[in-house]
Amino acid sequence: EHASFWLPLAHGRFFPDFVCQLTDGRMLVVEYKGEAYATNDDSAEKRAIGEKWAQLSEGKCLFIMAVKKDAQNRDVRGQLQALIV
């Protein structure tokens, strides 16, 4: 039987694009959104759920909704580096 990581949504489940364990033991969950989808209602719900999940983990889990270039003009690598530090 297969198992997948998911987070709950109001009407279903959210399966993030990437899930990994960092060398320090924290779990990193990444959802990538293209420009056309970064600000729609579906993405807003996923972002809110992911951020709440990470907040409730007491530092054990990280969540990011990555985009090609964020508001600080960082590429995906830069966004991940800023989160993981």
C-alpha atoms as a PDB file:
ATOM      1  CA  GLU A   1       0.000   0.000   0.000  1.00  0.00           C
ATOM      2  CA  HIS A   2       1.350   3.425  -0.961  1.00  0.00           C
ATOM      3  CA  ALA A   3       1.492   6.310   1.463  1.00  0.00           C
ATOM      4  CA  SER A   4       1.709   9.956   0.487  1.00  0.00           C
ATOM      5  CA  PHE A   5       2.185  13.101   2.539  1.00  0.00           C
ATOM      6  CA  TRP A   6      -0.818  15.400   2.431  1.00  0.00           C
ATOM      7  CA  LEU A   7      -2.337  18.337   4.276  1.00  0.00           C
ATOM      8  CA  PRO A   8      -6.097  18.843   4.737  1.00  0.00           C
ATOM      9  CA  LEU A   9      -8.076  21.408   2.774  1.00  0.00           C
ATOM     10  CA  ALA A  10     -11.662  22.543   3.260  1.00  0.00           C
ATOM     11  CA  HIS A  11     -12.764  20.248   0.434  1.00  0.00           C
ATOM     12  CA  GLY A  12     -10.127  17.573   0.080  1.00  0.00           C
ATOM     13  CA  ARG A  13      -6.422  17.053   0.416  1.00  0.00           C
ATOM     14  CA  PHE A  14      -3.317  18.914  -0.669  1.00  0.00           C
ATOM     15  CA  PHE A  15      -0.347  16.846  -1.906  1.00  0.00           C
ATOM     16  CA  PRO A  16       2.741  19.135  -1.951  1.00  0.00           C
ATOM     17  CA  ASP A  17       5.256  18.893  -4.784  1.00  0.00           C
ATOM     18  CA  PHE A  18       8.276  18.015  -2.639  1.00  0.00           C
ATOM     19  CA  VAL A  19       8.737  16.602   0.862  1.00  0.00           C
ATOM     20  CA  CYS A  20      12.166  15.934   2.352  1.00  0.00           C
ATOM     21  CA  GLN A  21      13.959  15.553   5.638  1.00  0.00           C
ATOM     22  CA  LEU A  22      16.847  17.970   6.165  1.00  0.00           C
ATOM     23  CA  THR A  23      20.156  16.854   7.676  1.00  0.00           C
ATOM     24  CA  ASP A  24      19.172  18.522  10.964  1.00  0.00           C
ATOM     25  CA  GLY A  25      16.007  16.395  11.153  1.00  0.00           C
ATOM     26  CA  ARG A  26      13.482  19.057  10.167  1.00  0.00           C
ATOM     27  CA  MET A  27      10.906  18.256   7.501  1.00  0.00           C
ATOM     28  CA  LEU A  28      10.755  20.590   4.493  1.00  0.00           C
ATOM     29  CA  VAL A  29       7.611  20.770   2.367  1.00  0.00           C
ATOM     30  CA  VAL A  30       7.727  22.702  -0.907  1.00  0.00           C
ATOM     31  CA  GLU A  31       4.839  23.662  -3.154  1.00  0.00           C
ATOM     32  CA  TYR A  32       5.899  25.373  -6.379  1.00  0.00           C
ATOM     33  CA  LYS A  33       3.494  27.698  -8.153  1.00  0.00           C
ATOM     34  CA  GLY A  34       3.878  29.255 -11.562  1.00  0.00           C
ATOM     35  CA  GLU A  35       3.075  32.921 -11.993  1.00  0.00           C
ATOM     36  CA  ALA A  36      -0.464  32.275 -13.234  1.00  0.00           C
ATOM     37  CA  TYR A  37      -1.370  30.249 -10.124  1.00  0.00           C
ATOM     38  CA  ALA A  38       0.617  31.926  -7.345  1.00  0.00           C
ATOM     39  CA  THR A  39      -2.196  34.180  -6.142  1.00  0.00           C
ATOM     40  CA  ASN A  40      -5.410  32.276  -6.877  1.00  0.00           C
ATOM     41  CA  ASP A  41      -7.812  31.132  -4.136  1.00  0.00           C
ATOM     42  CA  ASP A  42      -6.626  27.511  -4.275  1.00  0.00           C
ATOM     43  CA  SER A  43      -3.022  28.582  -3.727  1.00  0.00           C
ATOM     44  CA  ALA A  44      -4.020  30.951  -0.923  1.00  0.00           C
ATOM     45  CA  GLU A  45      -5.723  28.088   0.930  1.00  0.00           C
ATOM     46  CA  LYS A  46      -2.722  25.797   0.418  1.00  0.00           C
ATOM     47  CA  ARG A  47      -0.342  28.513   1.627  1.00  0.00           C
ATOM     48  CA  ALA A  48      -2.440  29.183   4.740  1.00  0.00           C
ATOM     49  CA  ILE A  49      -2.683  25.478   5.618  1.00  0.00           C
ATOM     50  CA  GLY A  50       1.030  24.872   4.991  1.00  0.00           C
ATOM     51  CA  GLU A  51       2.123  27.864   7.034  1.00  0.00           C
ATOM     52  CA  LYS A  52      -0.192  26.902   9.911  1.00  0.00           C
ATOM     53  CA  TRP A  53       1.101  23.312   9.839  1.00  0.00           C
ATOM     54  CA  ALA A  54       4.700  24.579  10.022  1.00  0.00           C
ATOM     55  CA  GLN A  55       3.845  27.051  12.805  1.00  0.00           C
ATOM     56  CA  LEU A  56       2.248  24.325  14.924  1.00  0.00           C
ATOM     57  CA  SER A  57       5.283  22.043  14.513  1.00  0.00           C
ATOM     58  CA  GLU A  58       7.366  24.109  16.956  1.00  0.00           C
ATOM     59  CA  GLY A  59      10.232  24.434  14.482  1.00  0.00           C
ATOM     60  CA  LYS A  60      10.300  20.786  13.389  1.00  0.00           C
ATOM     61  CA  CYS A  61       8.688  21.457   9.996  1.00  0.00           C
ATOM     62  CA  LEU A  62       9.127  24.079   7.297  1.00  0.00           C
ATOM     63  CA  PHE A  63       6.734  25.020   4.501  1.00  0.00           C
ATOM     64  CA  ILE A  64       7.288  27.207   1.475  1.00  0.00           C
ATOM     65  CA  MET A  65       5.187  28.100  -1.511  1.00  0.00           C
ATOM     66  CA  ALA A  66       7.987  28.860  -3.913  1.00  0.00           C
ATOM     67  CA  VAL A  67       7.668  30.934  -7.073  1.00  0.00           C
ATOM     68  CA  LYS A  68      10.068  31.693  -9.928  1.00  0.00           C
ATOM     69  CA  LYS A  69      10.916  35.100  -8.397  1.00  0.00           C
ATOM     70  CA  ASP A  70       9.504  36.283  -5.077  1.00  0.00           C
ATOM     71  CA  ALA A  71       8.816  39.842  -3.869  1.00  0.00           C
ATOM     72  CA  GLN A  72      12.476  40.143  -2.780  1.00  0.00           C
ATOM     73  CA  ASN A  73      13.575  39.089  -6.314  1.00  0.00           C
ATOM     74  CA  ARG A  74      14.961  35.757  -5.031  1.00  0.00           C
ATOM     75  CA  ASP A  75      14.874  32.706  -7.262  1.00  0.00           C
ATOM     76  CA  VAL A  76      13.652  29.372  -5.870  1.00  0.00           C
ATOM     77  CA  ARG A  77      17.114  28.506  -4.549  1.00  0.00           C
ATOM     78  CA  GLY A  78      17.314  31.840  -2.725  1.00  0.00           C
ATOM     79  CA  GLN A  79      13.842  31.372  -1.246  1.00  0.00           C
ATOM     80  CA  LEU A  80      14.784  27.916   0.054  1.00  0.00           C
ATOM     81  CA  GLN A  81      18.089  29.134   1.486  1.00  0.00           C
ATOM     82  CA  ALA A  82      16.349  31.963   3.346  1.00  0.00           C
ATOM     83  CA  LEU A  83      13.834  29.541   4.846  1.00  0.00           C
ATOM     84  CA  ILE A  84      16.270  26.821   5.877  1.00  0.00           C
ATOM     85  CA  VAL A  85      18.819  29.041   7.658  1.00  0.00           C
END
